[in-house]
Amino acid sequence: EELNIIKPGKFYGWPLCYNRRASVDDSKPGCNQSNYEEPWSLLPAHTGPLDALYYTHTKLPSLTNKLLLGWHGYKIVGHRLVAFDVDEQGRPKLGDSAHYWSDPLNGATDFSSQHFSAKAGTGPVAQHQEIISRWNEVNGLRPKGAPAGMSIMNDGSLLIVDDKNAALLRLSNGIPYKDEKPALSQTAT
């Protein structure tokens, strides 16, 4: 997966190459065209970003002025909402390395931090922050979720469309939920 900054007249590799000039067919030249534009940043494979938006409201201050991506995804890196810090032009800020949390597979129960690497190298890469993560299936507790779209409401809440469960979720601030039993009241007679 990759994040591209689209410019007129540029070629972005498909179907000849992927990542940063990795050829799909080693017997043919990959992305050697003079108009080839490398991705701004690579993303972990199979993230499946289906929607992106800039959060410009102040209701959720930790998200203000960040680029949000819904990773619909597959297996170990999908089903999450992530945010990127951006530069003055709205592009995700780049660094030398990045990591991501991998879902547990094959009966494992723990998530693990993975260093992001890709065939032909990652080059400069943007580090994301997980806003909604671990949206994996937990038997008897919850189904797996997968964000397919987002929208900002007038009050600054974020609406997230989840197509695995045909659900519309609202992300907002407020008082954290506490599972408390109500106190029994005593009445005077």
Protein backbone atom coordinates (compact mmCIF):
# COMPACT_ATOMS: atom_id res chain seq x y z
CA GLU A 1 0.00 0.00 0.00
CA GLU A 2 1.15 3.53 -0.65
CA LEU A 3 0.19 7.12 -0.16
CA ASN A 4 0.68 9.25 -3.28
CA ILE A 5 0.60 13.00 -3.83
CA ILE A 6 -1.09 13.23 -7.24
CA LYS A 7 0.49 15.61 -9.74
CA PRO A 8 -0.57 16.20 -13.37
CA GLY A 9 1.33 14.13 -15.93
CA LYS A 10 3.00 11.82 -13.41
CA PHE A 11 3.06 8.01 -13.52
CA TYR A 12 2.60 6.17 -10.20
CA GLY A 13 3.72 2.67 -11.13
CA TRP A 14 0.66 0.51 -11.54
CA PRO A 15 0.77 -2.11 -13.05
CA LEU A 16 4.54 -2.15 -13.68
CA CYS A 17 5.96 -1.63 -10.21
CA TYR A 18 5.10 -1.17 -6.56
CA ASN A 19 6.70 0.15 -3.37
CA ARG A 20 9.68 2.23 -4.45
CA ARG A 21 10.52 0.94 -7.94
CA ALA A 22 10.11 -2.78 -7.16
CA SER A 23 9.27 -4.39 -10.52
CA VAL A 24 6.20 -6.61 -10.80
CA ASP A 25 8.00 -8.67 -13.47
CA ASP A 26 11.77 -8.94 -13.06
CA SER A 27 12.18 -9.60 -16.81
CA LYS A 28 10.73 -6.17 -17.68
CA PRO A 29 11.84 -2.70 -16.62
CA GLY A 30 9.82 -1.37 -13.74
CA CYS A 31 9.41 2.32 -13.07
CA ASN A 32 12.19 3.84 -15.11
CA GLN A 33 9.99 6.34 -16.95
CA SER A 34 11.05 9.95 -16.62
CA ASN A 35 7.57 10.89 -15.32
CA TYR A 36 7.54 8.23 -12.57
CA GLU A 37 6.69 9.67 -9.15
CA GLU A 38 7.58 7.58 -6.10
CA PRO A 39 4.98 7.27 -3.34
CA TRP A 40 5.07 9.95 -0.66
CA SER A 41 5.04 7.17 1.93
CA LEU A 42 4.50 3.45 1.93
CA LEU A 43 1.96 1.84 4.28
CA PRO A 44 2.02 -1.71 5.64
CA ALA A 45 0.73 -4.26 3.13
CA HIS A 46 -3.01 -4.98 3.10
CA THR A 47 -4.04 -1.93 5.13
CA GLY A 48 -6.72 -1.21 2.53
CA PRO A 49 -7.21 2.51 3.17
CA LEU A 50 -10.71 3.24 1.84
CA ASP A 51 -11.15 6.81 3.08
CA ALA A 52 -9.07 9.76 4.20
CA LEU A 53 -9.94 13.14 5.63
CA TYR A 54 -8.35 16.05 7.42
CA TYR A 55 -9.86 16.56 10.85
CA THR A 56 -10.17 20.34 11.24
CA HIS A 57 -12.54 20.64 14.21
CA THR A 58 -11.46 21.21 17.84
CA LYS A 59 -13.91 18.84 19.57
CA LEU A 60 -11.30 16.06 19.49
CA PRO A 61 -8.16 18.13 20.10
CA SER A 62 -5.74 15.20 19.76
CA LEU A 63 -6.95 14.79 16.16
CA THR A 64 -7.12 18.47 15.15
CA ASN A 65 -5.19 19.20 11.94
CA LYS A 66 -4.29 15.55 11.35
CA LEU A 67 -4.88 13.34 8.33
CA LEU A 68 -7.12 10.39 9.24
CA LEU A 69 -7.13 7.13 7.28
CA GLY A 70 -9.53 4.26 7.76
CA TRP A 71 -7.64 1.01 7.28
CA HIS A 72 -10.31 -1.42 6.13
CA GLY A 73 -7.61 -3.98 5.59
CA TYR A 74 -6.95 -7.61 5.93
CA LYS A 75 -5.55 -9.88 8.62
CA ILE A 76 -2.85 -8.33 10.79
CA VAL A 77 -2.99 -4.61 9.91
CA GLY A 78 -6.51 -3.72 8.86
CA HIS A 79 -9.61 -2.79 10.85
CA ARG A 80 -8.34 0.40 12.47
CA LEU A 81 -8.47 4.17 12.26
CA VAL A 82 -5.11 5.93 12.14
CA ALA A 83 -3.92 9.55 12.16
CA PHE A 84 -0.84 11.21 10.69
CA ASP A 85 0.81 14.46 11.74
CA VAL A 86 1.08 16.63 8.62
CA ASP A 87 3.41 19.35 7.38
CA GLU A 88 2.35 22.86 6.31
CA GLN A 89 1.20 21.47 2.93
CA GLY A 90 -0.98 18.78 4.50
CA ARG A 91 1.38 15.89 3.69
CA PRO A 92 2.13 13.26 6.33
CA LYS A 93 5.43 14.04 8.06
CA LEU A 94 8.20 11.66 7.06
CA GLY A 95 10.87 9.96 9.14
CA ASP A 96 13.52 7.29 8.71
CA SER A 97 11.47 4.39 10.08
CA ALA A 98 8.02 3.39 11.26
CA HIS A 99 6.33 0.57 13.15
CA TYR A 100 2.83 -0.86 13.36
CA TRP A 101 0.93 -3.18 15.68
CA SER A 102 0.34 -6.65 14.30
CA ASP A 103 -2.81 -8.54 15.27
CA PRO A 104 -2.28 -11.93 16.93
CA LEU A 105 -2.43 -14.88 14.53
CA ASN A 106 -2.50 -18.65 14.84
CA GLY A 107 -3.92 -18.78 18.35
CA ALA A 108 -1.65 -16.07 19.78
CA THR A 109 -3.29 -13.52 22.09
CA ASP A 110 -0.82 -10.62 22.15
CA PHE A 111 -0.44 -7.79 19.67
CA SER A 112 3.17 -7.14 18.68
CA SER A 113 5.04 -4.10 17.44
CA GLN A 114 6.54 -4.70 13.99
CA HIS A 115 9.22 -2.61 12.28
CA PHE A 116 7.87 -1.57 8.90
CA SER A 117 9.96 -2.78 5.97
CA ALA A 118 9.17 -3.37 2.32
CA LYS A 119 10.74 -4.99 -0.75
CA ALA A 120 13.13 -2.46 -2.32
CA GLY A 121 13.15 -0.46 0.95
CA THR A 122 10.69 1.94 2.47
CA GLY A 123 12.57 5.19 1.92
CA PRO A 124 11.19 8.08 3.93
CA VAL A 125 8.08 6.82 5.71
CA ALA A 126 5.24 8.39 7.73
CA GLN A 127 4.55 7.04 11.21
CA HIS A 128 0.85 6.75 12.06
CA GLN A 129 -0.89 6.93 15.42
CA GLU A 130 -3.63 4.39 16.08
CA ILE A 131 -6.88 6.09 17.09
CA ILE A 132 -9.11 3.02 17.00
CA SER A 133 -7.14 -0.18 17.08
CA ARG A 134 -7.47 -3.79 18.08
CA TRP A 135 -10.82 -3.85 16.29
CA ASN A 136 -10.28 -7.55 15.72
CA GLU A 137 -12.84 -10.23 16.48
CA VAL A 138 -12.98 -11.50 20.04
CA ASN A 139 -15.26 -14.53 20.29
CA GLY A 140 -18.22 -13.92 22.58
CA LEU A 141 -17.38 -10.23 22.97
CA ARG A 142 -17.32 -8.40 19.65
CA PRO A 143 -17.03 -8.89 15.89
CA LYS A 144 -14.21 -7.56 13.76
CA GLY A 145 -14.80 -4.04 12.47
CA ALA A 146 -13.61 -2.40 9.28
CA PRO A 147 -13.89 1.33 8.58
CA ALA A 148 -15.11 2.06 5.07
CA GLY A 149 -15.86 5.80 5.30
CA MET A 150 -15.73 8.83 7.60
CA SER A 151 -17.41 12.19 7.99
CA ILE A 152 -17.15 15.07 10.45
CA MET A 153 -20.45 16.12 12.05
CA ASN A 154 -21.28 19.79 12.70
CA ASP A 155 -20.44 19.32 16.41
CA GLY A 156 -16.98 17.90 15.53
CA SER A 157 -17.82 14.27 16.25
CA LEU A 158 -16.45 11.79 13.75
CA LEU A 159 -18.81 9.36 12.04
CA ILE A 160 -17.26 6.08 10.93
CA VAL A 161 -18.99 3.65 8.58
CA ASP A 162 -18.20 0.02 9.48
CA ASP A 163 -19.08 -2.31 6.63
CA LYS A 164 -18.33 -5.59 8.44
CA ASN A 165 -21.24 -5.02 10.83
CA ALA A 166 -23.36 -2.57 8.80
CA ALA A 167 -22.81 -0.06 11.60
CA LEU A 168 -22.42 3.69 11.88
CA LEU A 169 -20.16 4.62 14.79
CA ARG A 170 -19.73 8.03 16.41
CA LEU A 171 -16.37 9.02 17.89
CA SER A 172 -16.69 11.90 20.33
CA ASN A 173 -15.44 13.10 23.67
CA GLY A 174 -17.28 12.68 26.92
CA ILE A 175 -17.23 10.79 30.17
CA PRO A 176 -15.68 7.29 29.96
CA TYR A 177 -18.14 4.45 30.47
CA LYS A 178 -18.03 2.72 33.86
CA ASP A 179 -19.91 -0.49 34.50
CA GLU A 180 -21.29 0.32 37.94
CA LYS A 181 -24.26 -1.07 39.77
CA PRO A 182 -26.62 1.64 41.01
CA ALA A 183 -26.67 2.19 44.76
CA LEU A 184 -29.76 0.93 46.54
CA SER A 185 -31.70 3.81 48.02
CA GLN A 186 -33.28 3.62 51.42
CA THR A 187 -36.66 5.23 51.93
CA ALA A 188 -37.96 6.52 55.27
CA THR A 189 -41.26 5.21 56.57
